[in-house]
Protein backbone atom coordinates (compact mmCIF):
# COMPACT_ATOMS: atom_id res chain seq x y z
CA MET A 1 -13.38 -14.60 -9.41
CA PHE A 2 -10.18 -16.35 -10.47
CA LEU A 3 -9.10 -13.36 -12.57
CA ALA A 4 -9.77 -10.98 -9.66
CA LEU A 5 -7.67 -13.20 -7.41
CA ILE A 6 -4.81 -13.24 -9.93
CA LEU A 7 -4.95 -9.44 -10.30
CA ALA A 8 -5.02 -8.95 -6.53
CA ILE A 9 -2.11 -11.32 -5.89
CA ALA A 10 -0.06 -9.72 -8.69
CA THR A 11 -0.70 -6.29 -7.16
CA LEU A 12 0.20 -7.64 -3.71
CA LEU A 13 3.53 -8.95 -5.02
CA ILE A 14 4.30 -5.68 -6.81
CA GLY A 15 3.42 -3.75 -3.67
CA VAL A 16 5.47 -5.91 -1.31
CA PHE A 17 8.59 -5.89 -3.49
CA PHE A 18 8.25 -2.16 -4.11
CA HIS A 19 7.78 -1.41 -0.41
CA LEU A 20 10.61 -3.65 0.77
CA GLY A 21 12.89 -2.09 -1.82
CA ASN A 22 11.94 1.37 -0.65
CA ILE A 23 12.32 0.79 3.09
CA THR A 24 15.54 -1.18 2.76
CA LEU A 25 17.56 -0.05 -0.25
CA PHE A 26 16.22 3.46 -0.80
CA ALA A 27 15.86 4.44 2.87
CA ASP A 28 19.30 3.01 3.72
CA LYS A 29 20.86 4.94 0.85
CA LEU A 30 19.23 8.16 2.07
CA ILE A 31 20.36 7.45 5.63
CA ALA A 32 23.95 6.89 4.46
CA THR A 33 24.05 10.37 2.92
CA LYS A 34 22.90 12.13 6.10
CA ALA A 35 25.38 13.05 8.80
CA SER A 36 22.89 13.42 11.64
CA ARG A 37 21.62 10.26 13.32
CA TYR A 38 18.54 12.23 14.41
CA LEU A 39 17.29 12.32 10.83
CA THR A 40 17.43 8.57 10.19
CA THR A 41 14.13 7.61 11.83
CA PRO A 42 12.12 10.42 10.20
CA ILE A 43 13.63 9.45 6.83
CA VAL A 44 12.56 5.82 7.25
CA VAL A 45 9.06 6.85 8.37
CA GLY A 46 8.74 9.28 5.45
CA VAL A 47 9.86 6.69 2.91
CA ALA A 48 7.46 4.11 4.38
CA VAL A 49 4.50 6.50 4.26
CA LEU A 50 5.23 7.62 0.69
CA SER A 51 5.71 4.02 -0.35
CA GLN A 52 2.35 3.01 1.10
CA ILE A 53 0.62 5.92 -0.66
CA LEU A 54 2.19 4.90 -3.98
CA ILE A 55 1.09 1.30 -3.46
CA ALA A 56 -2.45 2.54 -2.81
CA GLY A 57 -2.14 4.14 -6.25
CA VAL A 58 -1.15 0.79 -7.74
CA PHE A 59 -4.22 -0.81 -6.14
CA THR A 60 -6.31 2.06 -7.54
CA CYS A 61 -5.12 1.04 -11.00
CA THR A 62 -6.07 -2.56 -10.19
CA TYR A 63 -9.62 -1.47 -9.29
CA LEU A 64 -9.86 0.51 -12.53
CA LEU A 65 -8.62 -2.48 -14.51
CA GLY A 66 -11.11 -4.69 -12.69
CA GLN A 67 -13.90 -2.32 -13.69
CA LYS A 68 -12.76 -2.41 -17.33
CA LEU A 69 -12.67 -6.22 -17.22
CA GLU A 70 -16.18 -6.18 -15.70
CA LEU A 71 -15.07 -7.97 -12.52
CA GLY A 72 -17.20 -5.64 -10.44
CA ASP A 73 -17.88 -2.02 -9.70
CA PHE A 74 -18.67 0.17 -6.74
CA VAL A 75 -22.11 0.49 -5.14
CA GLN A 76 -22.26 4.22 -5.86
CA SER A 77 -20.88 6.19 -8.77
CA THR A 78 -17.15 6.83 -8.21
CA THR A 79 -14.47 9.09 -9.60
CA LEU A 80 -10.75 8.35 -9.74
CA SER A 81 -10.21 10.28 -6.51
CA ASP A 82 -13.02 8.28 -4.84
CA ILE A 83 -11.33 5.01 -5.80
CA PHE A 84 -7.95 6.30 -4.58
CA TYR A 85 -9.59 7.36 -1.29
CA PHE A 86 -11.13 3.88 -1.00
CA SER A 87 -7.73 2.33 -1.67
CA LEU A 88 -6.06 4.48 1.00
CA THR A 89 -8.65 3.58 3.62
CA THR A 90 -8.38 -0.09 2.68
CA ILE A 91 -4.58 -0.37 2.62
CA THR A 92 -4.34 1.32 6.01
CA THR A 93 -7.00 -1.14 7.25
CA LEU A 94 -9.12 1.82 8.34
CA GLY A 95 -11.99 0.82 6.06
CA LEU A 96 -14.51 3.59 6.62
CA GLY A 97 -17.16 1.91 4.47
CA SER A 98 -18.30 5.03 2.65
CA ILE A 99 -17.34 3.45 -0.68
CA GLU A 100 -18.05 -0.21 -1.28
CA PRO A 101 -16.89 -2.52 -4.10
CA THR A 102 -19.19 -5.15 -5.57
CA GLU A 103 -18.81 -8.63 -6.98
CA HIS A 104 -15.24 -9.81 -7.49
CA LEU A 105 -13.64 -6.44 -6.70
CA ARG A 106 -14.37 -7.29 -3.06
CA MET A 107 -11.62 -9.92 -3.36
CA VAL A 108 -9.15 -7.22 -4.38
CA ALA A 109 -10.20 -5.10 -1.38
CA GLY A 110 -9.64 -8.00 1.02
CA ILE A 111 -6.19 -8.72 -0.35
CA GLU A 112 -5.34 -5.01 -0.30
CA SER A 113 -6.23 -4.87 3.38
CA ALA A 114 -4.00 -7.87 4.12
CA THR A 115 -1.23 -6.27 2.05
CA GLY A 116 -1.55 -3.05 4.03
CA PHE A 117 -1.26 -4.91 7.31
CA LEU A 118 1.87 -6.67 6.04
CA LEU A 119 3.41 -3.39 4.84
CA ILE A 120 2.69 -1.64 8.13
CA SER A 121 4.34 -4.53 9.98
CA CYS A 122 7.44 -4.36 7.76
CA SER A 123 7.61 -0.59 8.21
CA ALA A 124 7.32 -0.86 11.99
CA GLN A 125 10.13 -3.41 12.08
CA LYS A 126 12.37 -1.17 9.95
CA VAL A 127 11.64 1.88 12.12
CA TYR A 128 12.38 -0.16 15.27
CA THR A 129 15.72 -1.46 13.98
CA THR A 130 16.68 2.02 12.78
CA MET A 131 15.91 3.48 16.20
CA GLN A 132 17.88 0.69 17.92
CA ARG A 133 20.92 1.43 15.74
CA ASN A 134 20.83 5.09 16.76
CA VAL A 135 20.67 4.60 20.52
């Protein structure tokens, strides 16, 4: 369980730093190159969505690594696209429950859900401040 926790926290930190870098540095750089203030909010939203999808991919790699390290598996047989789908539904806190991790991989899923909530909150704050600047 300790190794699963370490993997999950490492992935959380990678995800948070990656996302904050994307929605601050990268999005601001894109905004600075655009002349129209009407494009700034869609740019920030687009960067935030793409960033979250990429971070779901990072968590997918964490699940695969966890399987290789025998930290757990999934209840049913899964493909790479199944695990990515599970990661997307978990990071968005949707959690449909059609795919279910076992053993210590459940710890990774819980931390991914908390990470997703944090990322959505950061994205919402960035979108709000961007919209306020353009009023």
